[in-house]
Amino acid sequence: MAQADGPSSRGRGLATWALGRMLDEARALGVDRVLLVCEVDNLASVATVERGGGVLEGIRDTGHGPARRYWIEL
């Protein structure tokens, strides 16, 4: 079985689909906004989050290196 981040999954919209389902679930639970965090150099995640409506709050240092923080209003 191929890993979700393997070459066979790239460019097929899996991350966009997963983000949409997660946002649907958050809405169903009555959540008003969602925080998404990704590494600053993970351009695929940055693109997915921004396409999904993410608004950059800023970049913060974490124990794993700098991370972008995005909010999506629901």
N, C-alpha and C. Protein backbone atom coordinates (compact mmCIF):
# COMPACT_ATOMS: atom_id res chain seq x y z
N MET A 1 0.85 -1.18 0.00
CA MET A 1 0.00 0.00 0.00
C MET A 1 0.89 1.24 0.00
N ALA A 2 0.59 2.20 -0.85
CA ALA A 2 1.38 3.44 -0.95
C ALA A 2 1.05 4.35 0.22
N GLN A 3 2.06 5.06 0.69
CA GLN A 3 1.85 6.04 1.75
C GLN A 3 1.08 7.22 1.17
N ALA A 4 0.35 7.93 2.03
CA ALA A 4 -0.46 9.07 1.57
C ALA A 4 0.41 10.16 0.96
N ASP A 5 1.66 10.26 1.38
CA ASP A 5 2.52 11.31 0.84
C ASP A 5 3.43 10.79 -0.27
N GLY A 6 3.19 9.59 -0.73
CA GLY A 6 4.00 9.00 -1.79
C GLY A 6 3.67 9.61 -3.14
N PRO A 7 4.51 9.34 -4.11
CA PRO A 7 4.32 9.91 -5.45
C PRO A 7 2.95 9.62 -6.05
N SER A 8 2.36 8.47 -5.74
CA SER A 8 1.08 8.12 -6.34
C SER A 8 -0.06 9.00 -5.83
N SER A 9 0.12 9.70 -4.72
CA SER A 9 -0.92 10.55 -4.15
C SER A 9 -0.75 12.02 -4.50
N ARG A 10 0.41 12.40 -4.96
CA ARG A 10 0.69 13.81 -5.22
C ARG A 10 -0.12 14.32 -6.40
N GLY A 11 -0.63 15.53 -6.24
CA GLY A 11 -1.35 16.17 -7.33
C GLY A 11 -2.75 15.64 -7.58
N ARG A 12 -3.26 14.81 -6.70
CA ARG A 12 -4.58 14.22 -6.90
C ARG A 12 -5.65 14.85 -6.01
N GLY A 13 -5.29 15.87 -5.25
CA GLY A 13 -6.27 16.58 -4.44
C GLY A 13 -6.61 15.94 -3.13
N LEU A 14 -5.83 14.98 -2.67
CA LEU A 14 -6.13 14.29 -1.42
C LEU A 14 -6.09 15.25 -0.23
N ALA A 15 -5.09 16.10 -0.16
CA ALA A 15 -4.98 17.04 0.96
C ALA A 15 -6.15 18.04 0.95
N THR A 16 -6.52 18.51 -0.23
CA THR A 16 -7.65 19.44 -0.34
C THR A 16 -8.93 18.76 0.09
N TRP A 17 -9.13 17.52 -0.32
CA TRP A 17 -10.30 16.75 0.08
C TRP A 17 -10.31 16.57 1.60
N ALA A 18 -9.18 16.19 2.18
CA ALA A 18 -9.10 15.96 3.63
C ALA A 18 -9.37 17.25 4.41
N LEU A 19 -8.83 18.36 3.95
CA LEU A 19 -9.08 19.64 4.60
C LEU A 19 -10.57 19.98 4.55
N GLY A 20 -11.18 19.78 3.41
CA GLY A 20 -12.62 20.05 3.29
C GLY A 20 -13.45 19.21 4.23
N ARG A 21 -13.12 17.93 4.36
CA ARG A 21 -13.87 17.05 5.27
C ARG A 21 -13.66 17.49 6.71
N MET A 22 -12.43 17.87 7.06
CA MET A 22 -12.15 18.32 8.42
C MET A 22 -12.92 19.59 8.74
N LEU A 23 -12.98 20.52 7.78
CA LEU A 23 -13.73 21.75 8.00
C LEU A 23 -15.22 21.46 8.12
N ASP A 24 -15.75 20.54 7.32
CA ASP A 24 -17.15 20.14 7.44
C ASP A 24 -17.44 19.59 8.83
N GLU A 25 -16.54 18.76 9.34
CA GLU A 25 -16.71 18.18 10.67
C GLU A 25 -16.67 19.26 11.75
N ALA A 26 -15.75 20.20 11.61
CA ALA A 26 -15.66 21.30 12.58
C ALA A 26 -16.95 22.12 12.58
N ARG A 27 -17.48 22.40 11.39
CA ARG A 27 -18.75 23.14 11.29
C ARG A 27 -19.88 22.37 11.99
N ALA A 28 -19.93 21.07 11.74
CA ALA A 28 -20.97 20.23 12.34
C ALA A 28 -20.89 20.24 13.86
N LEU A 29 -19.69 20.43 14.39
CA LEU A 29 -19.49 20.48 15.84
C LEU A 29 -19.72 21.88 16.40
N GLY A 30 -19.99 22.84 15.54
CA GLY A 30 -20.23 24.20 15.99
C GLY A 30 -18.99 25.04 16.21
N VAL A 31 -17.87 24.61 15.65
CA VAL A 31 -16.62 25.36 15.78
C VAL A 31 -16.69 26.60 14.89
N ASP A 32 -16.25 27.75 15.42
CA ASP A 32 -16.31 29.02 14.68
C ASP A 32 -15.10 29.26 13.80
N ARG A 33 -13.95 28.78 14.25
CA ARG A 33 -12.73 28.94 13.45
C ARG A 33 -11.75 27.84 13.82
N VAL A 34 -10.84 27.58 12.88
CA VAL A 34 -9.89 26.47 13.01
C VAL A 34 -8.48 27.00 12.81
N LEU A 35 -7.56 26.55 13.66
CA LEU A 35 -6.15 26.88 13.53
C LEU A 35 -5.45 25.74 12.82
N LEU A 36 -4.71 26.08 11.75
CA LEU A 36 -3.91 25.09 11.03
C LEU A 36 -2.45 25.54 11.10
N VAL A 37 -1.56 24.60 11.31
CA VAL A 37 -0.14 24.90 11.46
C VAL A 37 0.65 23.99 10.54
N CYS A 38 1.64 24.56 9.85
CA CYS A 38 2.52 23.74 9.02
C CYS A 38 3.92 24.34 9.03
N GLU A 39 4.90 23.52 8.69
CA GLU A 39 6.27 23.99 8.62
C GLU A 39 6.37 25.07 7.54
N VAL A 40 7.24 26.06 7.77
CA VAL A 40 7.33 27.18 6.85
C VAL A 40 7.74 26.76 5.44
N ASP A 41 8.51 25.72 5.32
CA ASP A 41 9.00 25.32 4.00
C ASP A 41 8.16 24.22 3.34
N ASN A 42 7.02 23.88 3.93
CA ASN A 42 6.14 22.87 3.34
C ASN A 42 5.17 23.58 2.39
N LEU A 43 5.65 23.84 1.19
CA LEU A 43 4.90 24.65 0.23
C LEU A 43 3.60 23.99 -0.22
N ALA A 44 3.56 22.68 -0.25
CA ALA A 44 2.33 21.98 -0.63
C ALA A 44 1.25 22.23 0.43
N SER A 45 1.61 22.15 1.70
CA SER A 45 0.64 22.43 2.76
C SER A 45 0.22 23.89 2.77
N VAL A 46 1.18 24.78 2.56
CA VAL A 46 0.87 26.21 2.49
C VAL A 46 -0.18 26.46 1.40
N ALA A 47 0.04 25.90 0.22
CA ALA A 47 -0.89 26.09 -0.89
C ALA A 47 -2.26 25.52 -0.57
N THR A 48 -2.31 24.34 0.03
CA THR A 48 -3.58 23.72 0.36
C THR A 48 -4.35 24.55 1.37
N VAL A 49 -3.68 24.99 2.42
CA VAL A 49 -4.33 25.78 3.46
C VAL A 49 -4.82 27.11 2.90
N GLU A 50 -3.99 27.77 2.10
CA GLU A 50 -4.39 29.07 1.54
C GLU A 50 -5.55 28.92 0.56
N ARG A 51 -5.55 27.86 -0.26
CA ARG A 51 -6.68 27.59 -1.15
C ARG A 51 -7.96 27.31 -0.36
N GLY A 52 -7.79 26.74 0.83
CA GLY A 52 -8.93 26.41 1.68
C GLY A 52 -9.44 27.59 2.50
N GLY A 53 -8.86 28.76 2.31
CA GLY A 53 -9.32 29.95 3.01
C GLY A 53 -8.49 30.36 4.20
N GLY A 54 -7.35 29.70 4.40
CA GLY A 54 -6.50 30.03 5.53
C GLY A 54 -5.90 31.42 5.43
N VAL A 55 -5.94 32.15 6.55
CA VAL A 55 -5.37 33.48 6.64
C VAL A 55 -4.18 33.40 7.59
N LEU A 56 -3.01 33.79 7.09
CA LEU A 56 -1.79 33.69 7.87
C LEU A 56 -1.82 34.63 9.06
N GLU A 57 -1.68 34.06 10.26
CA GLU A 57 -1.56 34.84 11.49
C GLU A 57 -0.12 35.28 11.67
N GLY A 58 0.80 34.37 11.35
CA GLY A 58 2.21 34.68 11.50
C GLY A 58 3.03 33.40 11.53
N ILE A 59 4.30 33.58 11.80
CA ILE A 59 5.24 32.45 11.89
C ILE A 59 5.79 32.45 13.30
N ARG A 60 5.79 31.28 13.93
CA ARG A 60 6.31 31.14 15.30
C ARG A 60 7.34 30.03 15.34
N ASP A 61 8.31 30.22 16.23
CA ASP A 61 9.28 29.16 16.47
C ASP A 61 8.63 28.09 17.33
N THR A 62 8.90 26.83 16.97
CA THR A 62 8.39 25.70 17.75
C THR A 62 9.57 24.78 18.06
N GLY A 63 9.32 23.74 18.81
CA GLY A 63 10.35 22.76 19.10
C GLY A 63 10.80 22.00 17.87
N HIS A 64 10.04 22.11 16.78
CA HIS A 64 10.36 21.43 15.52
C HIS A 64 10.81 22.40 14.45
N GLY A 65 11.05 23.64 14.81
CA GLY A 65 11.44 24.66 13.85
C GLY A 65 10.31 25.65 13.63
N PRO A 66 10.52 26.63 12.75
CA PRO A 66 9.49 27.64 12.52
C PRO A 66 8.26 27.05 11.84
N ALA A 67 7.09 27.55 12.25
CA ALA A 67 5.83 27.06 11.71
C ALA A 67 4.92 28.23 11.35
N ARG A 68 4.22 28.07 10.23
CA ARG A 68 3.20 29.04 9.83
C ARG A 68 1.91 28.70 10.56
N ARG A 69 1.21 29.72 11.03
CA ARG A 69 -0.08 29.56 11.72
C ARG A 69 -1.16 30.23 10.89
N TYR A 70 -2.16 29.46 10.52
CA TYR A 70 -3.27 29.95 9.70
C TYR A 70 -4.59 29.75 10.44
N TRP A 71 -5.50 30.70 10.26
CA TRP A 71 -6.86 30.57 10.77
C TRP A 71 -7.82 30.50 9.60
N ILE A 72 -8.82 29.63 9.75
CA ILE A 72 -9.93 29.58 8.81
C ILE A 72 -11.20 29.83 9.59
N GLU A 73 -11.92 30.88 9.20
CA GLU A 73 -13.22 31.21 9.81
C GLU A 73 -14.28 30.32 9.18
N LEU A 74 -15.14 29.77 10.01
CA LEU A 74 -16.20 28.89 9.52
C LEU A 74 -17.55 29.56 9.60
